Amino acid sequence: MRLQQFSPPLREDLVLALQDIGVRTEVDLILNEDPTAIFTRLPSALGISLLEFRRAVEKVTELASAVPTYGDKQQELENARHDEILRDDMLVGLPEVDALLGGFSPPRLVEISGDKGSGKTTLAMQVALRHLVTVSDSSVLWIDSSGEFAPERVSNMLDQMRGEYSASALERLQVSLAFDIEAVHEVLETLRESMASRNASSYSEFPTTRCIVLDSITPLLAPMLSATSSQGHAIMTTFVRQLRAFADSFSLAIIVINQSTKMLPRNPDAVFETARKPALGPSFTFMTDATLWLSRRPENADDGGSTMHVAEVTRSRISRSKTWAPFKIMNGLLTSA
């Protein structure tokens, strides 16, 4: 950091004098040279004593130092964070899986990726429905880009969930069809206008949208991506940044489901060896808060018809990467492994 940016500030004439002799940052002042040697190069007209100069160096050292943290206090914070995760309402409902990202509580933009049959849609739907059955004044917007939304599947999942507000959950699950990126923009703009007017009013009889699921983003963006043109990449970047701003502005959890593609010889980001990776390229992954990679493990014929799956955090800015948790899908719901 430059010396003139410190707060509280140093003496302005001292900062200018230090700049004149090539000392511009705290590293220049503290580490690159003995402070006493720097003092001898200052002009005598500055009128600063060696004691005053040493006090200025001490001040810079204190301001530039990281705030210390103690192990017991950090453990208390971690325990409190874990307890908060278990009390949250935007969860899958499996402690091992929820602990990977600390839940899906807003504002967050999370990518769920994996091969077909890995459980992407099931996981996102379970988060959405579990939230709806436990919170009465909340709604979820589900954007279907492929026309594969299955109401009977939702009804079956709800029949197996317990919640005080399960009777009205379907009424608060909004489903919109959007087969291209322009249609998605129209859906989001309509929601933005609705939420902006709601924020300007002190009361609304309608539930507040707290979660958006886009299932899936791949067919919307993949056809525009090309190795010979940057236009598609620019459209993708702009769209994801708008989703990020949308989540921040209205405190939303946004889950985008992404398909997979080949990566030979193997995906280095995955814990378990695989030659698959999230579609849409690495830029997309780095623009979200986290990427949750789902995979299906070999089936066990003696396991009551359930299938074993693994959720991995391949990249994350909100939790640890390279962590994973197993789960099963039984009767259409995620259960503990």
Protein backbone atom coordinates (compact mmCIF):
# COMPACT_ATOMS: atom_id res chain seq x y z
CA MET A 1 0.00 0.00 0.00
CA ARG A 2 1.25 3.51 -0.80
CA LEU A 3 2.18 5.56 2.24
CA GLN A 4 -0.28 8.36 1.45
CA GLN A 5 -3.18 5.87 1.62
CA PHE A 6 -2.73 4.96 5.29
CA SER A 7 -5.40 6.00 7.74
CA PRO A 8 -4.82 7.79 10.02
CA PRO A 9 -2.43 9.54 7.60
CA LEU A 10 1.30 10.19 8.07
CA ARG A 11 2.78 13.66 7.95
CA GLU A 12 2.28 14.91 4.40
CA ASP A 13 5.73 16.51 4.17
CA LEU A 14 7.34 13.25 5.39
CA VAL A 15 5.45 11.19 2.79
CA LEU A 16 6.52 13.57 0.01
CA ALA A 17 10.14 13.51 1.18
CA LEU A 18 10.13 9.70 1.24
CA GLN A 19 8.68 9.59 -2.27
CA ASP A 20 11.51 11.83 -3.49
CA ILE A 21 14.05 9.23 -2.35
CA GLY A 22 12.13 6.28 -3.81
CA VAL A 23 10.30 5.09 -0.67
CA ARG A 24 6.65 4.87 -1.74
CA THR A 25 5.11 1.86 0.04
CA GLU A 26 5.23 0.18 3.44
CA VAL A 27 7.45 -2.52 1.94
CA ASP A 28 9.97 0.10 0.82
CA LEU A 29 9.97 1.64 4.29
CA ILE A 30 10.01 -1.48 6.47
CA LEU A 31 11.60 -4.33 4.52
CA ASN A 32 13.71 -3.18 1.61
CA GLU A 33 16.21 -1.10 3.62
CA ASP A 34 17.23 -0.32 7.19
CA PRO A 35 14.93 2.54 8.34
CA THR A 36 17.94 4.28 9.91
CA ALA A 37 19.65 4.36 6.51
CA ILE A 38 16.49 5.83 5.00
CA PHE A 39 16.48 8.53 7.69
CA THR A 40 20.02 9.61 6.78
CA ARG A 41 18.87 10.23 3.20
CA LEU A 42 16.04 12.55 4.20
CA PRO A 43 16.68 16.29 3.67
CA SER A 44 17.68 18.18 6.83
CA ALA A 45 15.16 20.87 5.95
CA LEU A 46 12.38 18.41 6.76
CA GLY A 47 13.03 19.05 10.46
CA ILE A 48 12.23 15.56 11.75
CA SER A 49 14.22 13.86 14.49
CA LEU A 50 15.31 10.22 14.45
CA LEU A 51 12.88 9.49 17.30
CA GLU A 52 9.95 10.99 15.37
CA PHE A 53 10.97 9.03 12.28
CA ARG A 54 11.12 5.76 14.23
CA ARG A 55 7.66 6.44 15.63
CA ALA A 56 6.38 7.00 12.07
CA VAL A 57 7.93 3.66 11.02
CA GLU A 58 6.29 1.94 14.01
CA LYS A 59 2.96 3.47 13.03
CA VAL A 60 3.27 2.18 9.46
CA THR A 61 4.27 -1.26 10.75
CA GLU A 62 1.22 -1.39 13.03
CA LEU A 63 -1.19 -0.25 10.31
CA ALA A 64 0.22 -2.69 7.76
CA SER A 65 0.20 -5.69 10.07
CA ALA A 66 -2.53 -8.33 9.90
CA VAL A 67 -4.94 -8.52 12.82
CA PRO A 68 -3.85 -11.46 15.00
CA THR A 69 -6.21 -14.34 15.59
CA TYR A 70 -6.02 -16.95 18.32
CA GLY A 71 -6.75 -20.63 17.85
CA ASP A 72 -9.40 -20.88 20.57
CA LYS A 73 -11.29 -17.88 19.21
CA GLN A 74 -11.09 -19.26 15.67
CA GLN A 75 -12.46 -22.57 16.93
CA GLU A 76 -15.37 -20.77 18.59
CA LEU A 77 -16.15 -18.97 15.32
CA GLU A 78 -16.00 -22.24 13.38
CA ASN A 79 -18.34 -23.95 15.88
CA ALA A 80 -20.75 -21.01 15.67
CA ARG A 81 -20.63 -21.17 11.87
CA HIS A 82 -21.42 -24.88 11.94
CA ASP A 83 -24.37 -24.31 14.29
CA GLU A 84 -25.64 -21.54 12.01
CA ILE A 85 -25.46 -23.88 9.02
CA LEU A 86 -27.70 -26.38 10.78
CA ARG A 87 -30.23 -23.65 11.65
CA ASP A 88 -30.39 -22.24 8.15
CA ASP A 89 -33.43 -22.79 5.92
CA MET A 90 -31.70 -22.85 2.49
CA LEU A 91 -30.29 -26.33 2.85
CA VAL A 92 -30.33 -29.75 1.23
CA GLY A 93 -31.10 -31.27 4.63
CA LEU A 94 -28.01 -33.51 4.78
CA PRO A 95 -25.42 -32.07 7.23
CA GLU A 96 -22.45 -33.54 5.32
CA VAL A 97 -23.55 -32.02 2.00
CA ASP A 98 -24.69 -28.71 3.50
CA ALA A 99 -21.35 -28.25 5.27
CA LEU A 100 -19.52 -28.26 1.90
CA LEU A 101 -20.70 -24.73 1.05
CA GLY A 102 -22.26 -23.69 4.33
CA GLY A 103 -25.72 -23.99 2.78
CA PHE A 104 -27.12 -21.94 -0.10
CA SER A 105 -28.21 -18.90 1.88
CA PRO A 106 -28.29 -15.66 -0.14
CA PRO A 107 -26.66 -13.74 -1.60
CA ARG A 108 -24.92 -16.52 -3.52
CA LEU A 109 -24.42 -17.68 -7.08
CA VAL A 110 -23.64 -21.40 -7.09
CA GLU A 111 -22.98 -23.69 -10.05
CA ILE A 112 -24.07 -27.32 -9.83
CA SER A 113 -22.50 -29.43 -12.55
CA GLY A 114 -22.16 -33.10 -13.42
CA ASP A 115 -23.10 -35.80 -15.88
CA LYS A 116 -26.69 -36.76 -16.68
CA GLY A 117 -28.15 -38.73 -13.79
CA SER A 118 -25.70 -37.38 -11.22
CA GLY A 119 -28.45 -35.67 -9.19
CA LYS A 120 -28.08 -32.01 -10.22
CA THR A 121 -31.77 -31.22 -10.63
CA THR A 122 -32.75 -33.35 -7.64
CA LEU A 123 -30.34 -31.50 -5.35
CA ALA A 124 -31.49 -28.06 -6.53
CA MET A 125 -35.15 -29.04 -6.26
CA GLN A 126 -34.65 -30.43 -2.76
CA VAL A 127 -33.07 -27.14 -1.63
CA ALA A 128 -35.96 -25.18 -3.16
CA LEU A 129 -38.77 -27.35 -1.78
CA ARG A 130 -37.22 -27.72 1.65
CA HIS A 131 -37.06 -23.93 1.85
CA LEU A 132 -40.69 -23.55 0.77
CA VAL A 133 -42.05 -26.03 3.33
CA THR A 134 -40.21 -24.33 6.21
CA VAL A 135 -40.72 -20.62 5.32
CA SER A 136 -44.24 -19.31 4.80
CA ASP A 137 -43.61 -15.96 3.09
CA SER A 138 -40.97 -17.03 0.56
CA SER A 139 -41.14 -18.15 -3.08
CA VAL A 140 -38.79 -19.81 -5.56
CA LEU A 141 -38.45 -19.06 -9.27
CA TRP A 142 -37.53 -22.09 -11.39
CA ILE A 143 -36.41 -21.21 -14.95
CA ASP A 144 -36.73 -24.23 -17.24
CA SER A 145 -34.63 -23.92 -20.41
CA SER A 146 -35.33 -27.39 -21.83
CA GLY A 147 -39.03 -27.99 -21.17
CA GLU A 148 -38.25 -30.97 -18.92
CA PHE A 149 -39.76 -29.68 -15.68
CA ALA A 150 -41.87 -32.51 -14.25
CA PRO A 151 -44.70 -31.49 -11.87
CA GLU A 152 -45.28 -35.10 -10.82
CA ARG A 153 -41.67 -35.31 -9.68
CA VAL A 154 -42.12 -32.22 -7.54
CA SER A 155 -45.34 -33.60 -6.07
CA ASN A 156 -43.61 -36.88 -5.20
CA MET A 157 -40.78 -35.05 -3.44
CA LEU A 158 -43.19 -32.87 -1.50
CA ASP A 159 -45.14 -35.92 -0.31
CA GLN A 160 -41.97 -37.13 1.42
CA MET A 161 -41.06 -33.80 3.03
CA ARG A 162 -42.24 -32.54 6.36
CA GLY A 163 -42.80 -28.88 6.91
CA GLU A 164 -45.25 -26.53 8.56
CA TYR A 165 -46.02 -24.81 5.26
CA SER A 166 -45.97 -27.73 2.84
CA ALA A 167 -49.65 -27.19 1.91
CA SER A 168 -48.85 -23.91 0.16
CA ALA A 169 -45.40 -24.84 -1.17
CA LEU A 170 -46.55 -25.57 -4.75
CA GLU A 171 -48.35 -22.22 -4.91
CA ARG A 172 -45.06 -20.48 -4.13
CA LEU A 173 -42.99 -22.39 -6.71
CA GLN A 174 -43.03 -20.30 -9.89
CA VAL A 175 -41.97 -22.03 -13.12
CA SER A 176 -41.00 -20.08 -16.25
CA LEU A 177 -40.03 -21.50 -19.63
CA ALA A 178 -37.11 -19.75 -21.33
CA PHE A 179 -35.46 -21.39 -24.33
CA ASP A 180 -32.94 -18.63 -25.14
CA ILE A 181 -30.93 -16.03 -23.29
CA GLU A 182 -33.25 -13.18 -24.31
CA ALA A 183 -36.22 -14.98 -22.76
CA VAL A 184 -34.28 -15.44 -19.51
CA HIS A 185 -33.50 -11.71 -19.49
CA GLU A 186 -37.22 -10.96 -19.84
CA VAL A 187 -38.10 -13.27 -16.94
CA LEU A 188 -35.43 -11.71 -14.71
CA GLU A 189 -36.42 -8.17 -15.69
CA THR A 190 -40.03 -8.86 -14.76
CA LEU A 191 -38.89 -10.22 -11.41
CA ARG A 192 -36.54 -7.27 -10.89
CA GLU A 193 -39.35 -4.76 -11.43
CA SER A 194 -41.59 -6.69 -9.08
CA MET A 195 -38.97 -6.88 -6.32
CA ALA A 196 -37.94 -3.23 -6.77
CA SER A 197 -41.53 -2.08 -6.31
CA ARG A 198 -41.89 -4.43 -3.32
CA ASN A 199 -38.82 -2.88 -1.68
CA ALA A 200 -40.33 0.57 -2.14
CA SER A 201 -43.48 -0.53 -0.34
CA SER A 202 -43.73 -1.35 3.34
CA TYR A 203 -46.15 -4.21 2.78
CA SER A 204 -46.93 -6.82 0.15
CA GLU A 205 -49.43 -9.66 0.21
CA PHE A 206 -47.25 -11.76 -2.11
CA PRO A 207 -44.33 -13.94 -0.93
CA THR A 208 -40.78 -12.72 -1.48
CA THR A 209 -38.58 -14.53 -3.98
CA ARG A 210 -35.43 -15.72 -2.23
CA CYS A 211 -34.14 -18.37 -4.64
CA ILE A 212 -33.78 -18.70 -8.42
CA VAL A 213 -32.86 -21.99 -10.10
CA LEU A 214 -31.81 -21.99 -13.76
CA ASP A 215 -32.08 -25.52 -15.15
CA SER A 216 -29.97 -25.50 -17.15
CA ILE A 217 -27.71 -22.71 -18.32
CA THR A 218 -25.78 -24.86 -20.80
CA PRO A 219 -28.20 -24.84 -23.78
CA LEU A 220 -28.61 -21.08 -23.42
CA LEU A 221 -24.92 -20.24 -23.74
CA ALA A 222 -23.09 -23.21 -25.30
CA PRO A 223 -24.32 -22.58 -28.89
CA MET A 224 -22.86 -19.07 -28.78
CA LEU A 225 -19.38 -20.09 -27.61
CA SER A 226 -16.77 -20.45 -30.32
CA ALA A 227 -13.01 -20.82 -30.46
CA THR A 228 -12.85 -18.30 -33.31
CA SER A 229 -15.06 -15.55 -31.89
CA SER A 230 -15.15 -13.74 -28.55
CA GLN A 231 -18.73 -12.54 -28.87
CA GLY A 232 -20.26 -15.59 -27.18
CA HIS A 233 -17.80 -15.37 -24.31
CA ALA A 234 -18.65 -11.69 -23.84
CA ILE A 235 -22.38 -12.51 -23.73
CA MET A 236 -21.73 -15.24 -21.15
CA THR A 237 -19.58 -12.95 -19.00
CA THR A 238 -22.14 -10.15 -19.07
CA PHE A 239 -24.99 -12.52 -18.21
CA VAL A 240 -23.21 -14.13 -15.25
CA ARG A 241 -22.21 -10.70 -13.90
CA GLN A 242 -25.84 -9.65 -14.09
CA LEU A 243 -26.85 -12.74 -12.13
CA ARG A 244 -24.21 -11.89 -9.53
CA ALA A 245 -25.49 -8.31 -9.24
CA PHE A 246 -29.07 -9.58 -9.08
CA ALA A 247 -28.22 -11.88 -6.18
CA ASP A 248 -26.46 -9.09 -4.29
CA SER A 249 -29.12 -6.43 -4.92
CA PHE A 250 -32.09 -8.50 -3.78
CA SER A 251 -30.41 -11.00 -1.42
CA LEU A 252 -31.10 -14.05 -3.58
CA ALA A 253 -29.68 -17.54 -3.75
CA ILE A 254 -29.16 -18.27 -7.45
CA ILE A 255 -28.40 -21.86 -8.46
CA VAL A 256 -27.33 -22.48 -12.05
CA ILE A 257 -27.26 -26.06 -13.30
CA ASN A 258 -24.53 -26.77 -15.83
CA GLN A 259 -23.97 -29.87 -17.92
CA SER A 260 -20.61 -31.59 -18.46
CA THR A 261 -18.13 -32.17 -21.25
CA LYS A 262 -15.02 -34.26 -21.88
CA MET A 263 -11.62 -33.40 -20.41
CA LEU A 264 -8.76 -35.72 -21.30
CA PRO A 265 -6.87 -37.36 -19.77
CA ARG A 266 -8.61 -36.36 -16.50
CA ASN A 267 -10.14 -33.44 -14.63
CA PRO A 268 -7.44 -32.17 -12.19
CA ASP A 269 -9.98 -30.24 -10.11
CA ALA A 270 -12.01 -33.33 -9.21
CA VAL A 271 -11.21 -35.37 -6.11
CA PHE A 272 -12.25 -38.61 -7.74
CA GLU A 273 -10.70 -39.43 -11.09
CA THR A 274 -12.89 -38.49 -14.04
CA ALA A 275 -12.49 -37.46 -17.64
CA ARG A 276 -15.44 -35.05 -17.38
CA LYS A 277 -15.63 -31.38 -16.39
CA PRO A 278 -18.27 -28.62 -16.25
CA ALA A 279 -19.34 -27.30 -19.64
CA LEU A 280 -18.96 -23.67 -20.81
CA GLY A 281 -15.24 -23.47 -20.08
CA PRO A 282 -13.17 -22.40 -17.06
CA SER A 283 -14.19 -18.73 -17.23
CA PHE A 284 -17.76 -19.57 -16.25
CA THR A 285 -16.65 -21.54 -13.19
CA PHE A 286 -14.47 -18.69 -11.94
CA MET A 287 -17.36 -16.21 -12.16
CA THR A 288 -19.58 -18.07 -9.69
CA ASP A 289 -19.15 -18.24 -5.91
CA ALA A 290 -18.66 -22.00 -5.99
CA THR A 291 -18.85 -25.05 -8.23
CA LEU A 292 -20.42 -28.21 -6.85
CA TRP A 293 -19.53 -31.22 -9.03
CA LEU A 294 -21.83 -34.24 -8.71
CA SER A 295 -20.96 -37.75 -9.85
CA ARG A 296 -22.65 -41.11 -9.72
CA ARG A 297 -20.71 -43.98 -8.22
CA PRO A 298 -21.01 -47.68 -9.16
CA GLU A 299 -24.32 -49.11 -8.00
CA ASN A 300 -24.70 -51.74 -5.29
CA ALA A 301 -27.38 -54.24 -6.18
CA ASP A 302 -27.91 -55.10 -2.51
CA ASP A 303 -28.54 -51.52 -1.40
CA GLY A 304 -32.32 -51.38 -1.62
CA GLY A 305 -32.53 -49.69 -5.00
CA SER A 306 -30.63 -46.54 -3.97
CA THR A 307 -27.71 -45.10 -5.92
CA MET A 308 -24.47 -43.75 -4.45
CA HIS A 309 -23.43 -40.24 -5.45
CA VAL A 310 -20.67 -37.82 -4.46
CA ALA A 311 -20.80 -34.02 -4.22
CA GLU A 312 -17.41 -32.31 -4.59
CA VAL A 313 -16.44 -28.66 -4.19
CA THR A 314 -14.06 -28.18 -7.11
CA ARG A 315 -13.71 -24.39 -6.74
CA SER A 316 -15.08 -22.02 -4.14
CA ARG A 317 -14.55 -18.54 -2.76
CA ILE A 318 -16.95 -19.12 0.15
CA SER A 319 -15.63 -22.41 1.53
CA ARG A 320 -12.80 -24.91 1.20
CA SER A 321 -12.20 -26.49 -2.20
CA LYS A 322 -11.33 -30.16 -2.73
CA THR A 323 -13.88 -31.28 -0.12
CA TRP A 324 -16.54 -33.88 -0.77
CA ALA A 325 -19.47 -35.72 0.75
CA PRO A 326 -21.33 -38.89 -0.30
CA PHE A 327 -25.10 -39.15 -0.58
CA LYS A 328 -27.75 -41.45 -1.97
CA ILE A 329 -30.87 -40.85 -4.01
CA MET A 330 -33.76 -42.97 -2.82
CA ASN A 331 -37.38 -42.54 -3.94
CA GLY A 332 -36.43 -39.28 -5.66
CA LEU A 333 -34.83 -37.61 -2.60
CA LEU A 334 -31.26 -37.12 -1.43
CA THR A 335 -30.53 -39.15 1.69
CA SER A 336 -27.45 -39.81 3.79
CA ALA A 337 -25.03 -42.39 2.47
